[in-house]
All heavy atoms as atom14 arrays in JSON, in Angstrom:
{
  "sequence": "FDPTEVERESDQVDVCIVGGGPAGLSAAIRLKQLANDAGNEDFRVLL",
  "atom14_mask": [
    [1, 1, 1, 1, 1, 1, 1, 1, 1, 1, 1, 0, 0, 0],
    [1, 1, 1, 1, 1, 1, 1, 1, 0, 0, 0, 0, 0, 0],
    [1, 1, 1, 1, 1, 1, 1, 0, 0, 0, 0, 0, 0, 0],
    [1, 1, 1, 1, 1, 1, 1, 0, 0, 0, 0, 0, 0, 0],
    [1, 1, 1, 1, 1, 1, 1, 1, 1, 0, 0, 0, 0, 0],
    [1, 1, 1, 1, 1, 1, 1, 0, 0, 0, 0, 0, 0, 0],
    [1, 1, 1, 1, 1, 1, 1, 1, 1, 0, 0, 0, 0, 0],
    [1, 1, 1, 1, 1, 1, 1, 1, 1, 1, 1, 0, 0, 0],
    [1, 1, 1, 1, 1, 1, 1, 1, 1, 0, 0, 0, 0, 0],
    [1, 1, 1, 1, 1, 1, 0, 0, 0, 0, 0, 0, 0, 0],
    [1, 1, 1, 1, 1, 1, 1, 1, 0, 0, 0, 0, 0, 0],
    [1, 1, 1, 1, 1, 1, 1, 1, 1, 0, 0, 0, 0, 0],
    [1, 1, 1, 1, 1, 1, 1, 0, 0, 0, 0, 0, 0, 0],
    [1, 1, 1, 1, 1, 1, 1, 1, 0, 0, 0, 0, 0, 0],
    [1, 1, 1, 1, 1, 1, 1, 0, 0, 0, 0, 0, 0, 0],
    [1, 1, 1, 1, 1, 1, 0, 0, 0, 0, 0, 0, 0, 0],
    [1, 1, 1, 1, 1, 1, 1, 1, 0, 0, 0, 0, 0, 0],
    [1, 1, 1, 1, 1, 1, 1, 0, 0, 0, 0, 0, 0, 0],
    [1, 1, 1, 1, 0, 0, 0, 0, 0, 0, 0, 0, 0, 0],
    [1, 1, 1, 1, 0, 0, 0, 0, 0, 0, 0, 0, 0, 0],
    [1, 1, 1, 1, 0, 0, 0, 0, 0, 0, 0, 0, 0, 0],
    [1, 1, 1, 1, 1, 1, 1, 0, 0, 0, 0, 0, 0, 0],
    [1, 1, 1, 1, 1, 0, 0, 0, 0, 0, 0, 0, 0, 0],
    [1, 1, 1, 1, 0, 0, 0, 0, 0, 0, 0, 0, 0, 0],
    [1, 1, 1, 1, 1, 1, 1, 1, 0, 0, 0, 0, 0, 0],
    [1, 1, 1, 1, 1, 1, 0, 0, 0, 0, 0, 0, 0, 0],
    [1, 1, 1, 1, 1, 0, 0, 0, 0, 0, 0, 0, 0, 0],
    [1, 1, 1, 1, 1, 0, 0, 0, 0, 0, 0, 0, 0, 0],
    [1, 1, 1, 1, 1, 1, 1, 1, 0, 0, 0, 0, 0, 0],
    [1, 1, 1, 1, 1, 1, 1, 1, 1, 1, 1, 0, 0, 0],
    [1, 1, 1, 1, 1, 1, 1, 1, 0, 0, 0, 0, 0, 0],
    [1, 1, 1, 1, 1, 1, 1, 1, 1, 0, 0, 0, 0, 0],
    [1, 1, 1, 1, 1, 1, 1, 1, 1, 0, 0, 0, 0, 0],
    [1, 1, 1, 1, 1, 1, 1, 1, 0, 0, 0, 0, 0, 0],
    [1, 1, 1, 1, 1, 0, 0, 0, 0, 0, 0, 0, 0, 0],
    [1, 1, 1, 1, 1, 1, 1, 1, 0, 0, 0, 0, 0, 0],
    [1, 1, 1, 1, 1, 1, 1, 1, 0, 0, 0, 0, 0, 0],
    [1, 1, 1, 1, 1, 0, 0, 0, 0, 0, 0, 0, 0, 0],
    [1, 1, 1, 1, 0, 0, 0, 0, 0, 0, 0, 0, 0, 0],
    [1, 1, 1, 1, 1, 1, 1, 1, 0, 0, 0, 0, 0, 0],
    [1, 1, 1, 1, 1, 1, 1, 1, 1, 0, 0, 0, 0, 0],
    [1, 1, 1, 1, 1, 1, 1, 1, 0, 0, 0, 0, 0, 0],
    [1, 1, 1, 1, 1, 1, 1, 1, 1, 1, 1, 0, 0, 0],
    [1, 1, 1, 1, 1, 1, 1, 1, 1, 1, 1, 0, 0, 0],
    [1, 1, 1, 1, 1, 1, 1, 0, 0, 0, 0, 0, 0, 0],
    [1, 1, 1, 1, 1, 1, 1, 1, 0, 0, 0, 0, 0, 0],
    [1, 1, 1, 1, 1, 1, 1, 1, 0, 0, 0, 0, 0, 0]
  ],
  "atom14_positions": [
    [[-2.83, 13.74, -30.16], [-2.66, 12.64, -29.21], [-3.24, 13.01, -27.85], [-2.95, 14.07, -27.3], [-1.19, 12.28, -29.08], [-0.93, 11.23, -28.04], [-1.27, 9.9, -28.28], [-0.37, 11.57, -26.82], [-1.04, 8.93, -27.31], [-0.14, 10.6, -25.86], [-0.47, 9.28, -26.11], [0.0, 0.0, 0.0], [0.0, 0.0, 0.0], [0.0, 0.0, 0.0]],
    [[-4.05, 12.14, -27.29], [-4.66, 12.33, -25.98], [-4.02, 11.34, -25.01], [-4.26, 10.13, -25.1], [-6.16, 12.11, -26.05], [-6.84, 12.35, -24.7], [-6.14, 12.7, -23.73], [-8.07, 12.18, -24.64], [0.0, 0.0, 0.0], [0.0, 0.0, 0.0], [0.0, 0.0, 0.0], [0.0, 0.0, 0.0], [0.0, 0.0, 0.0], [0.0, 0.0, 0.0]],
    [[-3.19, 11.83, -24.06], [-2.51, 10.91, -23.14], [-3.46, 10.04, -22.34], [-3.12, 8.91, -21.98], [-1.72, 11.85, -22.23], [-1.59, 13.12, -23.0], [-2.82, 13.23, -23.83], [0.0, 0.0, 0.0], [0.0, 0.0, 0.0], [0.0, 0.0, 0.0], [0.0, 0.0, 0.0], [0.0, 0.0, 0.0], [0.0, 0.0, 0.0], [0.0, 0.0, 0.0]],
    [[-4.67, 10.55, -22.07], [-5.59, 9.77, -21.25], [-6.13, 8.54, -21.97], [-6.75, 7.67, -21.35], [-6.77, 10.64, -20.8], [-7.51, 11.09, -21.96], [-6.3, 11.85, -20.02], [0.0, 0.0, 0.0], [0.0, 0.0, 0.0], [0.0, 0.0, 0.0], [0.0, 0.0, 0.0], [0.0, 0.0, 0.0], [0.0, 0.0, 0.0], [0.0, 0.0, 0.0]],
    [[-5.88, 8.47, -23.28], [-6.31, 7.29, -24.02], [-5.37, 6.1, -23.81], [-5.72, 4.98, -24.15], [-6.4, 7.62, -25.52], [-7.51, 8.61, -25.86], [-7.56, 8.91, -27.34], [-6.66, 8.43, -28.07], [-8.48, 9.62, -27.78], [0.0, 0.0, 0.0], [0.0, 0.0, 0.0], [0.0, 0.0, 0.0], [0.0, 0.0, 0.0], [0.0, 0.0, 0.0]],
    [[-4.2, 6.37, -23.26], [-3.26, 5.29, -22.96], [-3.66, 4.64, -21.65], [-3.81, 5.31, -20.63], [-1.81, 5.82, -22.86], [-0.85, 4.69, -22.53], [-1.41, 6.51, -24.15], [0.0, 0.0, 0.0], [0.0, 0.0, 0.0], [0.0, 0.0, 0.0], [0.0, 0.0, 0.0], [0.0, 0.0, 0.0], [0.0, 0.0, 0.0], [0.0, 0.0, 0.0]],
    [[-3.83, 3.34, -21.68], [-4.25, 2.63, -20.48], [-3.16, 2.66, -19.43], [-1.98, 2.43, -19.73], [-4.6, 1.19, -20.83], [-5.12, 0.39, -19.64], [-5.42, -1.06, -20.0], [-5.28, -1.4, -21.2], [-5.77, -1.84, -19.1], [0.0, 0.0, 0.0], [0.0, 0.0, 0.0], [0.0, 0.0, 0.0], [0.0, 0.0, 0.0], [0.0, 0.0, 0.0]],
    [[-3.55, 2.92, -18.2], [-2.59, 2.91, -17.09], [-2.46, 1.5, -16.51], [-3.45, 0.79, -16.38], [-3.01, 3.89, -16.0], [-2.82, 5.33, -16.36], [-3.02, 6.27, -15.19], [-4.39, 6.37, -14.73], [-4.94, 7.47, -14.22], [-4.23, 8.58, -14.14], [-6.18, 7.49, -13.8], [0.0, 0.0, 0.0], [0.0, 0.0, 0.0], [0.0, 0.0, 0.0]],
    [[-1.23, 1.13, -16.16], [-1.01, -0.11, -15.43], [-1.62, 0.05, -14.04], [-1.64, 1.14, -13.46], [0.49, -0.38, -15.32], [0.84, -1.68, -14.63], [0.58, -2.89, -15.51], [0.45, -2.72, -16.73], [0.49, -3.99, -14.95], [0.0, 0.0, 0.0], [0.0, 0.0, 0.0], [0.0, 0.0, 0.0], [0.0, 0.0, 0.0], [0.0, 0.0, 0.0]],
    [[-2.13, -1.02, -13.47], [-2.72, -0.96, -12.14], [-2.2, -2.09, -11.27], [-1.73, -3.11, -11.77], [-4.25, -1.02, -12.22], [-4.68, -2.26, -12.69], [0.0, 0.0, 0.0], [0.0, 0.0, 0.0], [0.0, 0.0, 0.0], [0.0, 0.0, 0.0], [0.0, 0.0, 0.0], [0.0, 0.0, 0.0], [0.0, 0.0, 0.0], [0.0, 0.0, 0.0]],
    [[-2.27, -1.89, -9.99], [-1.86, -2.9, -9.02], [-2.86, -2.87, -7.88], [-3.32, -1.8, -7.46], [-0.45, -2.6, -8.52], [0.19, -3.79, -7.81], [-0.4, -4.89, -7.85], [1.26, -3.61, -7.2], [0.0, 0.0, 0.0], [0.0, 0.0, 0.0], [0.0, 0.0, 0.0], [0.0, 0.0, 0.0], [0.0, 0.0, 0.0], [0.0, 0.0, 0.0]],
    [[-3.22, -4.02, -7.35], [-4.19, -4.14, -6.27], [-3.46, -4.47, -4.97], [-2.67, -5.42, -4.92], [-5.22, -5.23, -6.57], [-6.24, -5.45, -5.47], [-7.21, -4.29, -5.32], [-7.73, -3.79, -6.32], [-7.44, -3.85, -4.09], [0.0, 0.0, 0.0], [0.0, 0.0, 0.0], [0.0, 0.0, 0.0], [0.0, 0.0, 0.0], [0.0, 0.0, 0.0]],
    [[-3.71, -3.68, -3.92], [-3.09, -3.91, -2.62], [-4.17, -3.87, -1.56], [-5.32, -3.5, -1.82], [-2.0, -2.87, -2.31], [-0.9, -2.91, -3.36], [-2.58, -1.46, -2.21], [0.0, 0.0, 0.0], [0.0, 0.0, 0.0], [0.0, 0.0, 0.0], [0.0, 0.0, 0.0], [0.0, 0.0, 0.0], [0.0, 0.0, 0.0], [0.0, 0.0, 0.0]],
    [[-3.82, -4.24, -0.36], [-4.78, -4.17, 0.74], [-4.93, -2.74, 1.24], [-6.04, -2.24, 1.37], [-4.35, -5.11, 1.88], [-4.47, -6.57, 1.49], [-5.62, -7.06, 1.42], [-3.44, -7.21, 1.23], [0.0, 0.0, 0.0], [0.0, 0.0, 0.0], [0.0, 0.0, 0.0], [0.0, 0.0, 0.0], [0.0, 0.0, 0.0], [0.0, 0.0, 0.0]],
    [[-3.8, -2.1, 1.54], [-3.82, -0.71, 2.03], [-2.8, 0.1, 1.26], [-1.64, -0.32, 1.13], [-3.52, -0.64, 3.55], [-3.53, 0.81, 4.01], [-4.53, -1.46, 4.34], [0.0, 0.0, 0.0], [0.0, 0.0, 0.0], [0.0, 0.0, 0.0], [0.0, 0.0, 0.0], [0.0, 0.0, 0.0], [0.0, 0.0, 0.0], [0.0, 0.0, 0.0]],
    [[-3.22, 1.24, 0.75], [-2.31, 2.19, 0.1], [-2.2, 3.41, 0.98], [-3.21, 3.98, 1.41], [-2.84, 2.57, -1.28], [-1.82, 3.81, -2.13], [0.0, 0.0, 0.0], [0.0, 0.0, 0.0], [0.0, 0.0, 0.0], [0.0, 0.0, 0.0], [0.0, 0.0, 0.0], [0.0, 0.0, 0.0], [0.0, 0.0, 0.0], [0.0, 0.0, 0.0]],
    [[-0.98, 3.83, 1.26], [-0.72, 4.99, 2.11], [-0.04, 6.05, 1.26], [0.97, 5.78, 0.61], [0.17, 4.62, 3.31], [-0.51, 3.53, 4.14], [0.48, 5.84, 4.16], [0.38, 2.94, 5.23], [0.0, 0.0, 0.0], [0.0, 0.0, 0.0], [0.0, 0.0, 0.0], [0.0, 0.0, 0.0], [0.0, 0.0, 0.0], [0.0, 0.0, 0.0]],
    [[-0.6, 7.25, 1.24], [-0.06, 8.35, 0.45], [0.69, 9.29, 1.38], [0.09, 10.04, 2.15], [-1.17, 9.1, -0.3], [-0.58, 10.22, -1.15], [-1.97, 8.14, -1.18], [0.0, 0.0, 0.0], [0.0, 0.0, 0.0], [0.0, 0.0, 0.0], [0.0, 0.0, 0.0], [0.0, 0.0, 0.0], [0.0, 0.0, 0.0], [0.0, 0.0, 0.0]],
    [[2.02, 9.23, 1.33], [2.84, 10.09, 2.17], [3.72, 9.3, 3.11], [3.23, 8.46, 3.87], [0.0, 0.0, 0.0], [0.0, 0.0, 0.0], [0.0, 0.0, 0.0], [0.0, 0.0, 0.0], [0.0, 0.0, 0.0], [0.0, 0.0, 0.0], [0.0, 0.0, 0.0], [0.0, 0.0, 0.0], [0.0, 0.0, 0.0], [0.0, 0.0, 0.0]],
    [[5.03, 9.59, 3.06], [5.99, 8.82, 3.85], [6.59, 9.61, 5.0], [7.8, 9.56, 5.23], [0.0, 0.0, 0.0], [0.0, 0.0, 0.0], [0.0, 0.0, 0.0], [0.0, 0.0, 0.0], [0.0, 0.0, 0.0], [0.0, 0.0, 0.0], [0.0, 0.0, 0.0], [0.0, 0.0, 0.0], [0.0, 0.0, 0.0], [0.0, 0.0, 0.0]],
    [[5.74, 10.33, 5.75], [6.19, 11.0, 6.97], [5.96, 10.11, 8.17], [5.67, 8.91, 8.04], [0.0, 0.0, 0.0], [0.0, 0.0, 0.0], [0.0, 0.0, 0.0], [0.0, 0.0, 0.0], [0.0, 0.0, 0.0], [0.0, 0.0, 0.0], [0.0, 0.0, 0.0], [0.0, 0.0, 0.0], [0.0, 0.0, 0.0], [0.0, 0.0, 0.0]],
    [[6.05, 10.67, 9.39], [5.88, 9.85, 10.6], [4.53, 9.15, 10.67], [4.45, 7.99, 11.09], [6.04, 10.87, 11.73], [6.88, 11.96, 11.15], [6.47, 12.05, 9.72], [0.0, 0.0, 0.0], [0.0, 0.0, 0.0], [0.0, 0.0, 0.0], [0.0, 0.0, 0.0], [0.0, 0.0, 0.0], [0.0, 0.0, 0.0], [0.0, 0.0, 0.0]],
    [[3.45, 9.82, 10.24], [2.12, 9.2, 10.32], [2.0, 8.05, 9.34], [1.55, 6.95, 9.72], [1.04, 10.25, 10.04], [0.0, 0.0, 0.0], [0.0, 0.0, 0.0], [0.0, 0.0, 0.0], [0.0, 0.0, 0.0], [0.0, 0.0, 0.0], [0.0, 0.0, 0.0], [0.0, 0.0, 0.0], [0.0, 0.0, 0.0], [0.0, 0.0, 0.0]],
    [[2.37, 8.27, 8.09], [2.25, 7.23, 7.09], [3.09, 6.01, 7.41], [2.64, 4.86, 7.26], [0.0, 0.0, 0.0], [0.0, 0.0, 0.0], [0.0, 0.0, 0.0], [0.0, 0.0, 0.0], [0.0, 0.0, 0.0], [0.0, 0.0, 0.0], [0.0, 0.0, 0.0], [0.0, 0.0, 0.0], [0.0, 0.0, 0.0], [0.0, 0.0, 0.0]],
    [[4.32, 6.24, 7.84], [5.2, 5.11, 8.16], [4.75, 4.38, 9.42], [4.87, 3.16, 9.5], [6.64, 5.62, 8.32], [7.33, 5.97, 7.0], [8.59, 6.79, 7.26], [7.67, 4.71, 6.21], [0.0, 0.0, 0.0], [0.0, 0.0, 0.0], [0.0, 0.0, 0.0], [0.0, 0.0, 0.0], [0.0, 0.0, 0.0], [0.0, 0.0, 0.0]],
    [[4.22, 5.11, 10.4], [3.71, 4.45, 11.61], [2.53, 3.57, 11.27], [2.39, 2.46, 11.8], [3.33, 5.49, 12.66], [4.47, 6.21, 13.09], [0.0, 0.0, 0.0], [0.0, 0.0, 0.0], [0.0, 0.0, 0.0], [0.0, 0.0, 0.0], [0.0, 0.0, 0.0], [0.0, 0.0, 0.0], [0.0, 0.0, 0.0], [0.0, 0.0, 0.0]],
    [[1.64, 4.06, 10.39], [0.5, 3.25, 9.97], [0.98, 2.0, 9.24], [0.47, 0.9, 9.48], [-0.42, 4.09, 9.07], [0.0, 0.0, 0.0], [0.0, 0.0, 0.0], [0.0, 0.0, 0.0], [0.0, 0.0, 0.0], [0.0, 0.0, 0.0], [0.0, 0.0, 0.0], [0.0, 0.0, 0.0], [0.0, 0.0, 0.0], [0.0, 0.0, 0.0]],
    [[1.96, 2.17, 8.36], [2.47, 1.03, 7.59], [3.1, -0.01, 8.51], [2.86, -1.22, 8.36], [3.49, 1.53, 6.57], [0.0, 0.0, 0.0], [0.0, 0.0, 0.0], [0.0, 0.0, 0.0], [0.0, 0.0, 0.0], [0.0, 0.0, 0.0], [0.0, 0.0, 0.0], [0.0, 0.0, 0.0], [0.0, 0.0, 0.0], [0.0, 0.0, 0.0]],
    [[3.91, 0.44, 9.45], [4.57, -0.49, 10.38], [3.54, -1.23, 11.21], [3.61, -2.46, 11.37], [5.56, 0.28, 11.28], [6.77, 0.75, 10.45], [6.01, -0.58, 12.45], [7.68, 1.71, 11.19], [0.0, 0.0, 0.0], [0.0, 0.0, 0.0], [0.0, 0.0, 0.0], [0.0, 0.0, 0.0], [0.0, 0.0, 0.0], [0.0, 0.0, 0.0]],
    [[2.55, -0.48, 11.74], [1.55, -1.13, 12.6], [0.71, -2.14, 11.82], [0.4, -3.23, 12.32], [0.64, -0.07, 13.23], [-0.33, -0.64, 14.25], [0.42, -1.16, 15.47], [-0.47, -1.82, 16.42], [-0.27, -3.05, 16.91], [0.8, -3.75, 16.52], [-1.1, -3.56, 17.78], [0.0, 0.0, 0.0], [0.0, 0.0, 0.0], [0.0, 0.0, 0.0]],
    [[0.37, -1.82, 10.58], [-0.39, -2.75, 9.75], [0.36, -4.05, 9.53], [-0.19, -5.15, 9.66], [-0.72, -2.1, 8.41], [-1.91, -1.14, 8.38], [-1.86, -0.27, 7.12], [-3.23, -1.91, 8.45], [0.0, 0.0, 0.0], [0.0, 0.0, 0.0], [0.0, 0.0, 0.0], [0.0, 0.0, 0.0], [0.0, 0.0, 0.0], [0.0, 0.0, 0.0]],
    [[1.65, -3.95, 9.2], [2.43, -5.17, 8.96], [2.7, -5.93, 10.25], [2.78, -7.17, 10.24], [3.73, -4.81, 8.25], [3.55, -4.43, 6.8], [2.9, -5.53, 5.95], [3.81, -6.72, 5.74], [3.18, -7.73, 4.83], [0.0, 0.0, 0.0], [0.0, 0.0, 0.0], [0.0, 0.0, 0.0], [0.0, 0.0, 0.0], [0.0, 0.0, 0.0]],
    [[2.82, -5.22, 11.36], [2.95, -5.92, 12.64], [1.73, -6.78, 12.9], [1.83, -7.96, 13.26], [3.14, -4.91, 13.78], [4.5, -4.25, 13.83], [4.58, -3.17, 14.92], [3.54, -2.64, 15.36], [5.79, -2.82, 15.33], [0.0, 0.0, 0.0], [0.0, 0.0, 0.0], [0.0, 0.0, 0.0], [0.0, 0.0, 0.0], [0.0, 0.0, 0.0]],
    [[0.55, -6.19, 12.7], [-0.7, -6.92, 12.93], [-0.84, -8.08, 11.96], [-1.24, -9.19, 12.35], [-1.88, -5.96, 12.8], [-2.01, -4.88, 13.88], [-3.03, -3.83, 13.48], [-2.39, -5.51, 15.22], [0.0, 0.0, 0.0], [0.0, 0.0, 0.0], [0.0, 0.0, 0.0], [0.0, 0.0, 0.0], [0.0, 0.0, 0.0], [0.0, 0.0, 0.0]],
    [[-0.54, -7.82, 10.68], [-0.68, -8.88, 9.68], [0.29, -10.02, 9.92], [-0.08, -11.21, 9.85], [-0.46, -8.29, 8.28], [0.0, 0.0, 0.0], [0.0, 0.0, 0.0], [0.0, 0.0, 0.0], [0.0, 0.0, 0.0], [0.0, 0.0, 0.0], [0.0, 0.0, 0.0], [0.0, 0.0, 0.0], [0.0, 0.0, 0.0], [0.0, 0.0, 0.0]],
    [[1.54, -9.69, 10.22], [2.54, -10.73, 10.46], [2.22, -11.53, 11.71], [2.41, -12.75, 11.74], [3.93, -10.11, 10.56], [4.39, -9.51, 9.24], [3.81, -9.75, 8.19], [5.45, -8.7, 9.29], [0.0, 0.0, 0.0], [0.0, 0.0, 0.0], [0.0, 0.0, 0.0], [0.0, 0.0, 0.0], [0.0, 0.0, 0.0], [0.0, 0.0, 0.0]],
    [[1.74, -10.83, 12.76], [1.36, -11.55, 13.99], [0.19, -12.5, 13.73], [0.08, -13.54, 14.39], [0.97, -10.55, 15.08], [2.18, -9.81, 15.64], [3.33, -10.23, 15.36], [1.98, -8.8, 16.34], [0.0, 0.0, 0.0], [0.0, 0.0, 0.0], [0.0, 0.0, 0.0], [0.0, 0.0, 0.0], [0.0, 0.0, 0.0], [0.0, 0.0, 0.0]],
    [[-0.66, -12.14, 12.77], [-1.81, -12.99, 12.44], [-1.45, -14.07, 11.42], [-2.31, -14.85, 11.01], [-2.95, -12.13, 11.9], [0.0, 0.0, 0.0], [0.0, 0.0, 0.0], [0.0, 0.0, 0.0], [0.0, 0.0, 0.0], [0.0, 0.0, 0.0], [0.0, 0.0, 0.0], [0.0, 0.0, 0.0], [0.0, 0.0, 0.0], [0.0, 0.0, 0.0]],
    [[-0.18, -14.11, 11.01], [0.26, -15.09, 10.04], [-0.13, -14.78, 8.62], [-0.07, -15.65, 7.73], [0.0, 0.0, 0.0], [0.0, 0.0, 0.0], [0.0, 0.0, 0.0], [0.0, 0.0, 0.0], [0.0, 0.0, 0.0], [0.0, 0.0, 0.0], [0.0, 0.0, 0.0], [0.0, 0.0, 0.0], [0.0, 0.0, 0.0], [0.0, 0.0, 0.0]],
    [[-0.51, -13.53, 8.36], [-0.94, -13.11, 7.03], [0.17, -12.3, 6.37], [0.08, -11.08, 6.21], [-2.23, -12.3, 7.13], [-2.83, -11.98, 5.78], [-2.3, -12.38, 4.73], [-3.94, -11.25, 5.79], [0.0, 0.0, 0.0], [0.0, 0.0, 0.0], [0.0, 0.0, 0.0], [0.0, 0.0, 0.0], [0.0, 0.0, 0.0], [0.0, 0.0, 0.0]],
    [[1.23, -12.98, 5.96], [2.37, -12.29, 5.38], [2.09, -11.77, 3.98], [2.85, -10.97, 3.44], [3.59, -13.22, 5.37], [4.07, -13.6, 6.77], [5.34, -14.43, 6.74], [5.82, -14.72, 5.63], [5.83, -14.79, 7.83], [0.0, 0.0, 0.0], [0.0, 0.0, 0.0], [0.0, 0.0, 0.0], [0.0, 0.0, 0.0], [0.0, 0.0, 0.0]],
    [[0.99, -12.23, 3.36], [0.63, -11.76, 2.02], [-0.18, -10.47, 2.07], [-0.54, -9.93, 1.02], [-0.19, -12.83, 1.28], [0.64, -14.06, 0.97], [1.87, -13.89, 0.79], [0.08, -15.16, 0.91], [0.0, 0.0, 0.0], [0.0, 0.0, 0.0], [0.0, 0.0, 0.0], [0.0, 0.0, 0.0], [0.0, 0.0, 0.0], [0.0, 0.0, 0.0]],
    [[-0.47, -9.98, 3.25], [-1.21, -8.72, 3.41], [-0.33, -7.58, 2.88], [0.75, -7.31, 3.4], [-1.53, -8.49, 4.88], [-2.44, -7.32, 5.16], [-3.81, -7.47, 5.14], [-1.91, -6.08, 5.46], [-4.65, -6.4, 5.42], [-2.73, -5.0, 5.73], [-4.11, -5.16, 5.71], [0.0, 0.0, 0.0], [0.0, 0.0, 0.0], [0.0, 0.0, 0.0]],
    [[-0.8, -6.92, 1.83], [0.04, -5.94, 1.12], [-0.22, -4.52, 1.61], [-1.33, -4.01, 1.55], [-0.19, -6.02, -0.38], [0.25, -7.34, -1.01], [0.19, -7.25, -2.51], [1.1, -6.22, -3.03], [1.07, -5.75, -4.26], [0.14, -6.19, -5.12], [1.94, -4.84, -4.66], [0.0, 0.0, 0.0], [0.0, 0.0, 0.0], [0.0, 0.0, 0.0]],
    [[0.83, -3.88, 2.08], [0.8, -2.48, 2.49], [1.77, -1.73, 1.6], [2.97, -2.04, 1.58], [1.19, -2.3, 3.97], [1.16, -0.83, 4.36], [0.27, -3.12, 4.88], [0.0, 0.0, 0.0], [0.0, 0.0, 0.0], [0.0, 0.0, 0.0], [0.0, 0.0, 0.0], [0.0, 0.0, 0.0], [0.0, 0.0, 0.0], [0.0, 0.0, 0.0]],
    [[1.26, -0.77, 0.87], [2.07, -0.02, -0.09], [2.07, 1.45, 0.29], [1.03, 2.02, 0.62], [1.49, -0.21, -1.49], [2.19, 0.49, -2.65], [2.17, -0.4, -3.89], [1.51, 1.82, -2.97], [0.0, 0.0, 0.0], [0.0, 0.0, 0.0], [0.0, 0.0, 0.0], [0.0, 0.0, 0.0], [0.0, 0.0, 0.0], [0.0, 0.0, 0.0]],
    [[3.24, 2.07, 0.25], [3.38, 3.48, 0.62], [4.02, 4.26, -0.52], [5.08, 3.88, -1.02], [4.21, 3.6, 1.91], [4.36, 5.0, 2.51], [4.44, 4.91, 4.04], [5.58, 5.73, 1.99], [0.0, 0.0, 0.0], [0.0, 0.0, 0.0], [0.0, 0.0, 0.0], [0.0, 0.0, 0.0], [0.0, 0.0, 0.0], [0.0, 0.0, 0.0]]
  ]
}
């Protein structure tokens, strides 16, 4: 059995952030602030 033959589920987002420390969370917060202020609540930020 080869695990890589199993298809992986995928999800599409606008911005993906790898790491939940001060930098990653600050980037996430600022992105959603900008998106929400622009009325783009569907702008997806995933951490």
